[in-house]
Amino acid sequence: MSLISDLRILYHMAASSNRGRTHAERIEGFYQGQASAYDDFRRRLLQGREELFAAVDPPADGVWIDMGGGTGVSLEFMGDRLSRLRKAYVVDISPSLLGQARERIAARGWTNVEAVEADVTTFTPPEGQVDLITFSYSLTMIPDWFAAIDQAFTLLRPGGRIGVVDFYVARKHADGDRAKHGWSTRAFWPLWFSCDNVFLSPDHLPYLERRFDRAQREERRARLPYLPLIRAPYYIYVGAKRAD
């Protein structure tokens, strides 16, 4: 990855329009100029993805939905397990990012994978209930994130798994063994990320743990490109839908 390419991405992140009448228009306006170089830059920006996909293991002949899957890079993290699935869906509302996903799918010859332009809060696959749903740095970009989690709960079969990795901040008075963030962390990172319509929430983890049985939770800090002295908080969460 060259410095010039990095600067081009940073320019688009700073200058791309976040305006639009709908969430879909705002997302597409932001990503359409950087879609082709999206993955290279985000590989260093978005940490914990490989660990998340190593922790989720969908059953053979299962169905997986990657919500807000963008360019389909999560398919790569699934590795050889992808070929065992009956179906995998990459769902996003950005045509530009999905264009990259479709190129990836065609290049790899994945006949069991489909890229779908849809709202993740309402998307329902033909199969009905599914075995695995993931959100890889997408939940913070979904305005109705609670509706997205509720839809995931509805779509998962009993015992099915949800996996999430994303930036966040802790609640001021975090319960139990959850990470505690000071005032500066809780104030700075939501403001910094909101410039790109990425909205960090102290309520993601508590809501996930209210709806699902936790299998894994890790709260970490990540270095960001060109910001060596500060680290952004992020989490990895894997849960299961309770059996009826």
C-alpha atoms as a PDB file:
ATOM      1  CA  MET A   1       0.000   0.000   0.000  1.00  0.00           C
ATOM      2  CA  SER A   2       1.619   3.286  -1.091  1.00  0.00           C
ATOM      3  CA  LEU A   3       1.507   6.586   0.749  1.00  0.00           C
ATOM      4  CA  ILE A   4      -0.141   8.180  -2.285  1.00  0.00           C
ATOM      5  CA  SER A   5      -2.915   5.582  -2.203  1.00  0.00           C
ATOM      6  CA  ASP A   6      -3.349   6.127   1.532  1.00  0.00           C
ATOM      7  CA  LEU A   7      -3.593   9.879   1.011  1.00  0.00           C
ATOM      8  CA  ARG A   8      -6.208   9.352  -1.673  1.00  0.00           C
ATOM      9  CA  ILE A   9      -8.319   7.271   0.717  1.00  0.00           C
ATOM     10  CA  LEU A  10      -7.889   9.787   3.527  1.00  0.00           C
ATOM     11  CA  TYR A  11      -8.949  12.569   1.164  1.00  0.00           C
ATOM     12  CA  HIS A  12     -12.128  10.708   0.231  1.00  0.00           C
ATOM     13  CA  MET A  13     -12.861   9.997   3.887  1.00  0.00           C
ATOM     14  CA  ALA A  14     -12.483  13.699   4.697  1.00  0.00           C
ATOM     15  CA  ALA A  15     -14.070  15.212   1.611  1.00  0.00           C
ATOM     16  CA  SER A  16     -16.717  12.707   0.512  1.00  0.00           C
ATOM     17  CA  SER A  17     -20.268  13.870   0.848  1.00  0.00           C
ATOM     18  CA  ASN A  18     -22.192  12.567   3.846  1.00  0.00           C
ATOM     19  CA  ARG A  19     -25.297  14.337   2.648  1.00  0.00           C
ATOM     20  CA  GLY A  20     -28.376  12.695   1.218  1.00  0.00           C
ATOM     21  CA  ARG A  21     -32.071  12.274   1.793  1.00  0.00           C
ATOM     22  CA  THR A  22     -31.664   8.654   2.885  1.00  0.00           C
ATOM     23  CA  HIS A  23     -29.113   6.557   4.722  1.00  0.00           C
ATOM     24  CA  ALA A  24     -28.422   4.674   1.481  1.00  0.00           C
ATOM     25  CA  GLU A  25     -27.607   7.905  -0.380  1.00  0.00           C
ATOM     26  CA  ARG A  26     -25.259   9.044   2.402  1.00  0.00           C
ATOM     27  CA  ILE A  27     -23.441   5.707   2.484  1.00  0.00           C
ATOM     28  CA  GLU A  28     -23.022   5.570  -1.289  1.00  0.00           C
ATOM     29  CA  GLY A  29     -21.852   9.183  -1.417  1.00  0.00           C
ATOM     30  CA  PHE A  30     -19.187   8.361   1.140  1.00  0.00           C
ATOM     31  CA  TYR A  31     -17.910   5.118  -0.403  1.00  0.00           C
ATOM     32  CA  GLN A  32     -18.246   5.477  -4.151  1.00  0.00           C
ATOM     33  CA  GLY A  33     -14.897   7.270  -4.528  1.00  0.00           C
ATOM     34  CA  GLN A  34     -12.922   4.863  -2.372  1.00  0.00           C
ATOM     35  CA  ALA A  35     -14.506   1.461  -3.049  1.00  0.00           C
ATOM     36  CA  SER A  36     -11.678   0.119  -5.220  1.00  0.00           C
ATOM     37  CA  ALA A  37      -9.042   0.771  -2.529  1.00  0.00           C
ATOM     38  CA  TYR A  38     -11.308   0.151   0.444  1.00  0.00           C
ATOM     39  CA  ASP A  39      -9.854  -3.162   1.580  1.00  0.00           C
ATOM     40  CA  ASP A  40      -6.157  -2.251   1.555  1.00  0.00           C
ATOM     41  CA  PHE A  41      -6.580   0.731   3.856  1.00  0.00           C
ATOM     42  CA  ARG A  42      -9.168  -0.903   6.130  1.00  0.00           C
ATOM     43  CA  ARG A  43      -6.902  -3.923   6.643  1.00  0.00           C
ATOM     44  CA  ARG A  44      -4.857  -1.754   8.996  1.00  0.00           C
ATOM     45  CA  LEU A  45      -7.740   0.333  10.312  1.00  0.00           C
ATOM     46  CA  LEU A  46     -10.183  -2.440  11.233  1.00  0.00           C
ATOM     47  CA  GLN A  47      -8.625  -4.882  13.648  1.00  0.00           C
ATOM     48  CA  GLY A  48     -10.071  -8.049  15.164  1.00  0.00           C
ATOM     49  CA  ARG A  49     -11.833  -9.283  12.048  1.00  0.00           C
ATOM     50  CA  GLU A  50      -9.700 -12.371  11.560  1.00  0.00           C
ATOM     51  CA  GLU A  51     -10.158 -13.305  15.216  1.00  0.00           C
ATOM     52  CA  LEU A  52     -13.928 -12.923  14.921  1.00  0.00           C
ATOM     53  CA  PHE A  53     -14.197 -15.197  11.908  1.00  0.00           C
ATOM     54  CA  ALA A  54     -11.888 -17.745  13.509  1.00  0.00           C
ATOM     55  CA  ALA A  55     -14.287 -17.835  16.474  1.00  0.00           C
ATOM     56  CA  VAL A  56     -17.479 -18.425  14.479  1.00  0.00           C
ATOM     57  CA  ASP A  57     -17.805 -21.821  12.835  1.00  0.00           C
ATOM     58  CA  PRO A  58     -21.012 -22.261  10.842  1.00  0.00           C
ATOM     59  CA  PRO A  59     -22.174 -25.857  10.361  1.00  0.00           C
ATOM     60  CA  ALA A  60     -21.701 -27.723   7.101  1.00  0.00           C
ATOM     61  CA  ASP A  61     -24.600 -26.972   4.733  1.00  0.00           C
ATOM     62  CA  GLY A  62     -25.407 -23.924   6.845  1.00  0.00           C
ATOM     63  CA  VAL A  63     -26.503 -20.426   5.780  1.00  0.00           C
ATOM     64  CA  TRP A  64     -24.520 -17.304   6.691  1.00  0.00           C
ATOM     65  CA  ILE A  65     -25.426 -13.621   6.292  1.00  0.00           C
ATOM     66  CA  ASP A  66     -22.727 -10.946   6.523  1.00  0.00           C
ATOM     67  CA  MET A  67     -24.727  -7.828   7.356  1.00  0.00           C
ATOM     68  CA  GLY A  68     -23.212  -4.637   5.962  1.00  0.00           C
ATOM     69  CA  GLY A  69     -20.637  -6.851   4.268  1.00  0.00           C
ATOM     70  CA  GLY A  70     -19.467  -4.214   1.782  1.00  0.00           C
ATOM     71  CA  THR A  71     -16.732  -5.531  -0.507  1.00  0.00           C
ATOM     72  CA  GLY A  72     -17.100  -9.099   0.713  1.00  0.00           C
ATOM     73  CA  VAL A  73     -13.689  -9.226   2.375  1.00  0.00           C
ATOM     74  CA  SER A  74     -15.231 -11.231   5.232  1.00  0.00           C
ATOM     75  CA  LEU A  75     -15.603 -14.100   2.779  1.00  0.00           C
ATOM     76  CA  GLU A  76     -11.814 -14.321   2.675  1.00  0.00           C
ATOM     77  CA  PHE A  77     -11.629 -14.538   6.462  1.00  0.00           C
ATOM     78  CA  MET A  78     -13.992 -17.531   6.407  1.00  0.00           C
ATOM     79  CA  GLY A  79     -11.392 -19.444   4.379  1.00  0.00           C
ATOM     80  CA  ASP A  80     -12.033 -23.057   3.402  1.00  0.00           C
ATOM     81  CA  ARG A  81     -15.145 -23.192   5.580  1.00  0.00           C
ATOM     82  CA  LEU A  82     -16.957 -21.103   2.970  1.00  0.00           C
ATOM     83  CA  SER A  83     -17.110 -24.049   0.545  1.00  0.00           C
ATOM     84  CA  ARG A  84     -18.986 -26.125   3.142  1.00  0.00           C
ATOM     85  CA  LEU A  85     -21.868 -23.663   3.330  1.00  0.00           C
ATOM     86  CA  ARG A  86     -25.078 -24.116   1.422  1.00  0.00           C
ATOM     87  CA  LYS A  87     -25.350 -20.346   0.992  1.00  0.00           C
ATOM     88  CA  ALA A  88     -23.642 -17.129   2.032  1.00  0.00           C
ATOM     89  CA  TYR A  89     -25.080 -13.639   1.569  1.00  0.00           C
ATOM     90  CA  VAL A  90     -23.180 -10.343   1.553  1.00  0.00           C
ATOM     91  CA  VAL A  91     -25.822  -7.699   2.278  1.00  0.00           C
ATOM     92  CA  ASP A  92     -25.146  -3.972   1.933  1.00  0.00           C
ATOM     93  CA  ILE A  93     -26.832  -0.791   0.701  1.00  0.00           C
ATOM     94  CA  SER A  94     -23.808   0.589  -1.190  1.00  0.00           C
ATOM     95  CA  PRO A  95     -23.790  -0.359  -4.899  1.00  0.00           C
ATOM     96  CA  SER A  96     -20.132   0.651  -5.164  1.00  0.00           C
ATOM     97  CA  LEU A  97     -18.986  -1.653  -2.381  1.00  0.00           C
ATOM     98  CA  LEU A  98     -21.181  -4.483  -3.633  1.00  0.00           C
ATOM     99  CA  GLY A  99     -19.629  -4.082  -7.066  1.00  0.00           C
ATOM    100  CA  GLN A 100     -16.298  -4.956  -5.467  1.00  0.00           C
ATOM    101  CA  ALA A 101     -17.931  -7.896  -3.695  1.00  0.00           C
ATOM    102  CA  ARG A 102     -19.355  -9.277  -6.948  1.00  0.00           C
ATOM    103  CA  GLU A 103     -15.946  -9.008  -8.622  1.00  0.00           C
ATOM    104  CA  ARG A 104     -14.418 -10.917  -5.709  1.00  0.00           C
ATOM    105  CA  ILE A 105     -17.098 -13.616  -5.862  1.00  0.00           C
ATOM    106  CA  ALA A 106     -16.688 -14.066  -9.615  1.00  0.00           C
ATOM    107  CA  ALA A 107     -12.880 -14.137  -9.403  1.00  0.00           C
ATOM    108  CA  ARG A 108     -12.958 -16.848  -6.708  1.00  0.00           C
ATOM    109  CA  GLY A 109     -15.669 -18.859  -8.436  1.00  0.00           C
ATOM    110  CA  TRP A 110     -17.855 -18.991  -5.340  1.00  0.00           C
ATOM    111  CA  THR A 111     -21.153 -20.339  -6.636  1.00  0.00           C
ATOM    112  CA  ASN A 112     -22.763 -20.471  -3.197  1.00  0.00           C
ATOM    113  CA  VAL A 113     -22.261 -16.757  -2.453  1.00  0.00           C
ATOM    114  CA  GLU A 114     -24.592 -13.898  -3.397  1.00  0.00           C
ATOM    115  CA  ALA A 115     -24.150 -10.138  -2.982  1.00  0.00           C
ATOM    116  CA  VAL A 116     -27.474  -8.439  -2.220  1.00  0.00           C
ATOM    117  CA  GLU A 117     -28.294  -4.732  -2.174  1.00  0.00           C
ATOM    118  CA  ALA A 118     -30.723  -4.387   0.721  1.00  0.00           C
ATOM    119  CA  ASP A 119     -31.386  -2.794   4.096  1.00  0.00           C
ATOM    120  CA  VAL A 120     -30.055  -5.138   6.774  1.00  0.00           C
ATOM    121  CA  THR A 121     -32.879  -4.168   9.146  1.00  0.00           C
ATOM    122  CA  THR A 122     -35.445  -5.760   6.815  1.00  0.00           C
ATOM    123  CA  PHE A 123     -33.525  -8.264   4.663  1.00  0.00           C
ATOM    124  CA  THR A 124     -34.872 -11.815   4.802  1.00  0.00           C
ATOM    125  CA  PRO A 125     -33.287 -14.584   2.693  1.00  0.00           C
ATOM    126  CA  PRO A 126     -35.384 -17.207   0.895  1.00  0.00           C
ATOM    127  CA  GLU A 127     -34.157 -19.809   3.381  1.00  0.00           C
ATOM    128  CA  GLY A 128     -35.870 -18.021   6.265  1.00  0.00           C
ATOM    129  CA  GLN A 129     -33.870 -18.821   9.373  1.00  0.00           C
ATOM    130  CA  VAL A 130     -30.088 -19.051   9.118  1.00  0.00           C
ATOM    131  CA  ASP A 131     -27.146 -20.407  11.108  1.00  0.00           C
ATOM    132  CA  LEU A 132     -24.781 -17.435  11.360  1.00  0.00           C
ATOM    133  CA  ILE A 133     -25.058 -13.643  11.101  1.00  0.00           C
ATOM    134  CA  THR A 134     -22.068 -11.312  11.328  1.00  0.00           C
ATOM    135  CA  PHE A 135     -21.547  -7.570  11.559  1.00  0.00           C
ATOM    136  CA  SER A 136     -17.937  -6.602  10.810  1.00  0.00           C
ATOM    137  CA  TYR A 137     -17.511  -2.885  11.513  1.00  0.00           C
ATOM    138  CA  SER A 138     -20.982  -2.224  10.139  1.00  0.00           C
ATOM    139  CA  LEU A 139     -23.170  -1.873  13.220  1.00  0.00           C
ATOM    140  CA  THR A 140     -21.785   1.610  13.958  1.00  0.00           C
ATOM    141  CA  MET A 141     -22.861   2.726  10.456  1.00  0.00           C
ATOM    142  CA  ILE A 142     -26.465   1.532  10.761  1.00  0.00           C
ATOM    143  CA  PRO A 143     -28.707   4.267  12.204  1.00  0.00           C
ATOM    144  CA  ASP A 144     -31.288   1.775  13.500  1.00  0.00           C
ATOM    145  CA  TRP A 145     -28.634  -0.584  14.862  1.00  0.00           C
ATOM    146  CA  PHE A 146     -31.046  -2.002  17.426  1.00  0.00           C
ATOM    147  CA  ALA A 147     -33.423  -2.926  14.573  1.00  0.00           C
ATOM    148  CA  ALA A 148     -30.506  -4.641  12.826  1.00  0.00           C
ATOM    149  CA  ILE A 149     -29.777  -6.719  15.934  1.00  0.00           C
ATOM    150  CA  ASP A 150     -33.485  -7.513  16.335  1.00  0.00           C
ATOM    151  CA  GLN A 151     -33.645  -8.650  12.702  1.00  0.00           C
ATOM    152  CA  ALA A 152     -30.599 -10.827  13.255  1.00  0.00           C
ATOM    153  CA  PHE A 153     -32.299 -12.388  16.261  1.00  0.00           C
ATOM    154  CA  THR A 154     -35.424 -13.065  14.199  1.00  0.00           C
ATOM    155  CA  LEU A 155     -33.469 -14.640  11.338  1.00  0.00           C
ATOM    156  CA  LEU A 156     -31.259 -16.899  13.442  1.00  0.00           C
ATOM    157  CA  ARG A 157     -32.442 -20.410  14.167  1.00  0.00           C
ATOM    158  CA  PRO A 158     -32.418 -21.434  17.853  1.00  0.00           C
ATOM    159  CA  GLY A 159     -28.786 -22.032  18.712  1.00  0.00           C
ATOM    160  CA  GLY A 160     -27.622 -19.988  15.718  1.00  0.00           C
ATOM    161  CA  ARG A 161     -24.727 -17.609  16.269  1.00  0.00           C
ATOM    162  CA  ILE A 162     -24.122 -13.892  15.903  1.00  0.00           C
ATOM    163  CA  GLY A 163     -20.640 -12.399  15.616  1.00  0.00           C
ATOM    164  CA  VAL A 164     -19.831  -8.690  15.874  1.00  0.00           C
ATOM    165  CA  VAL A 165     -16.598  -6.713  15.759  1.00  0.00           C
ATOM    166  CA  ASP A 166     -16.705  -2.921  15.891  1.00  0.00           C
ATOM    167  CA  PHE A 167     -15.528   0.272  17.505  1.00  0.00           C
ATOM    168  CA  TYR A 168     -17.378   1.381  20.638  1.00  0.00           C
ATOM    169  CA  VAL A 169     -17.147   3.227  23.919  1.00  0.00           C
ATOM    170  CA  ALA A 170     -18.126   1.847  27.287  1.00  0.00           C
ATOM    171  CA  ARG A 171     -20.940   3.168  29.412  1.00  0.00           C
ATOM    172  CA  LYS A 172     -19.929   5.695  32.045  1.00  0.00           C
ATOM    173  CA  HIS A 173     -20.679   3.152  34.740  1.00  0.00           C
ATOM    174  CA  ALA A 174     -19.944  -0.137  32.979  1.00  0.00           C
ATOM    175  CA  ASP A 175     -21.328  -3.184  34.752  1.00  0.00           C
ATOM    176  CA  GLY A 176     -19.356  -6.092  36.131  1.00  0.00           C
ATOM    177  CA  ASP A 177     -16.227  -7.123  34.270  1.00  0.00           C
ATOM    178  CA  ARG A 178     -16.793  -4.837  31.270  1.00  0.00           C
ATOM    179  CA  ALA A 179     -14.035  -2.439  30.281  1.00  0.00           C
ATOM    180  CA  LYS A 180     -14.059   0.984  31.924  1.00  0.00           C
ATOM    181  CA  HIS A 181     -13.317   3.998  29.697  1.00  0.00           C
ATOM    182  CA  GLY A 182     -12.375   7.392  31.048  1.00  0.00           C
ATOM    183  CA  TRP A 183     -14.090  10.646  30.140  1.00  0.00           C
ATOM    184  CA  SER A 184     -11.617  11.543  27.397  1.00  0.00           C
ATOM    185  CA  THR A 185     -12.154   8.201  25.610  1.00  0.00           C
ATOM    186  CA  ARG A 186     -15.928   8.422  25.898  1.00  0.00           C
ATOM    187  CA  ALA A 187     -15.914  12.028  24.606  1.00  0.00           C
ATOM    188  CA  PHE A 188     -13.222  11.979  21.913  1.00  0.00           C
ATOM    189  CA  TRP A 189     -13.866   8.823  19.889  1.00  0.00           C
ATOM    190  CA  PRO A 190     -17.605   9.308  19.223  1.00  0.00           C
ATOM    191  CA  LEU A 191     -16.885  12.855  18.033  1.00  0.00           C
ATOM    192  CA  TRP A 192     -13.922  11.798  15.877  1.00  0.00           C
ATOM    193  CA  PHE A 193     -15.737   8.908  14.171  1.00  0.00           C
ATOM    194  CA  SER A 194     -18.996  10.833  13.715  1.00  0.00           C
ATOM    195  CA  CYS A 195     -17.288  12.990  11.081  1.00  0.00           C
ATOM    196  CA  ASP A 196     -17.559   9.940   8.800  1.00  0.00           C
ATOM    197  CA  ASN A 197     -21.079   9.009   9.950  1.00  0.00           C
ATOM    198  CA  VAL A 198     -19.693   6.238  12.155  1.00  0.00           C
ATOM    199  CA  PHE A 199     -21.552   6.394  15.458  1.00  0.00           C
ATOM    200  CA  LEU A 200     -19.970   4.685  18.435  1.00  0.00           C
ATOM    201  CA  SER A 201     -22.393   3.545  21.103  1.00  0.00           C
ATOM    202  CA  PRO A 202     -22.051   2.494  24.735  1.00  0.00           C
ATOM    203  CA  ASP A 203     -25.169   0.350  24.287  1.00  0.00           C
ATOM    204  CA  HIS A 204     -24.102  -2.147  21.583  1.00  0.00           C
ATOM    205  CA  LEU A 205     -22.553  -4.684  23.932  1.00  0.00           C
ATOM    206  CA  PRO A 206     -25.231  -4.459  26.646  1.00  0.00           C
ATOM    207  CA  TYR A 207     -27.976  -4.928  24.044  1.00  0.00           C
ATOM    208  CA  LEU A 208     -26.203  -7.862  22.402  1.00  0.00           C
ATOM    209  CA  GLU A 209     -25.811  -9.523  25.781  1.00  0.00           C
ATOM    210  CA  ARG A 210     -29.450  -8.914  26.604  1.00  0.00           C
ATOM    211  CA  ARG A 211     -30.604 -10.637  23.403  1.00  0.00           C
ATOM    212  CA  PHE A 212     -28.063 -13.444  23.105  1.00  0.00           C
ATOM    213  CA  ASP A 213     -26.185 -15.921  25.270  1.00  0.00           C
ATOM    214  CA  ARG A 214     -22.567 -14.823  25.256  1.00  0.00           C
ATOM    215  CA  ALA A 215     -19.959 -17.271  23.977  1.00  0.00           C
ATOM    216  CA  GLN A 216     -17.089 -14.783  23.723  1.00  0.00           C
ATOM    217  CA  ARG A 217     -16.474 -11.125  24.510  1.00  0.00           C
ATOM    218  CA  GLU A 218     -13.210  -9.245  24.184  1.00  0.00           C
ATOM    219  CA  GLU A 219     -12.671  -5.519  24.643  1.00  0.00           C
ATOM    220  CA  ARG A 220      -9.468  -4.141  23.163  1.00  0.00           C
ATOM    221  CA  ARG A 221      -7.669  -1.056  21.821  1.00  0.00           C
ATOM    222  CA  ALA A 222      -6.460  -0.655  18.225  1.00  0.00           C
ATOM    223  CA  ARG A 223      -3.739   1.472  16.676  1.00  0.00           C
ATOM    224  CA  LEU A 224      -4.990   3.589  13.787  1.00  0.00           C
ATOM    225  CA  PRO A 225      -3.008   4.438  10.628  1.00  0.00           C
ATOM    226  CA  TYR A 226      -1.000   7.666  11.034  1.00  0.00           C
ATOM    227  CA  LEU A 227      -2.190   8.103  14.646  1.00  0.00           C
ATOM    228  CA  PRO A 228       0.481   6.170  16.562  1.00  0.00           C
ATOM    229  CA  LEU A 229      -0.021   7.749  19.973  1.00  0.00           C
ATOM    230  CA  ILE A 230      -3.705   6.965  20.517  1.00  0.00           C
ATOM    231  CA  ARG A 231      -5.730   3.773  20.354  1.00  0.00           C
ATOM    232  CA  ALA A 232      -9.400   3.351  19.559  1.00  0.00           C
ATOM    233  CA  PRO A 233     -11.505   0.949  21.631  1.00  0.00           C
ATOM    234  CA  TYR A 234     -13.156  -1.966  19.853  1.00  0.00           C
ATOM    235  CA  TYR A 235     -14.817  -5.230  20.839  1.00  0.00           C
ATOM    236  CA  ILE A 236     -15.311  -8.764  19.555  1.00  0.00           C
ATOM    237  CA  TYR A 237     -18.565 -10.450  20.515  1.00  0.00           C
ATOM    238  CA  VAL A 238     -19.911 -13.914  19.726  1.00  0.00           C
ATOM    239  CA  GLY A 239     -23.320 -14.993  21.000  1.00  0.00           C
ATOM    240  CA  ALA A 240     -25.953 -17.629  20.446  1.00  0.00           C
ATOM    241  CA  LYS A 241     -29.722 -17.365  20.107  1.00  0.00           C
ATOM    242  CA  ARG A 242     -31.393 -19.024  23.033  1.00  0.00           C
ATOM    243  CA  ALA A 243     -33.224 -22.239  22.257  1.00  0.00           C
ATOM    244  CA  ASP A 244     -37.023 -22.021  22.486  1.00  0.00           C
END
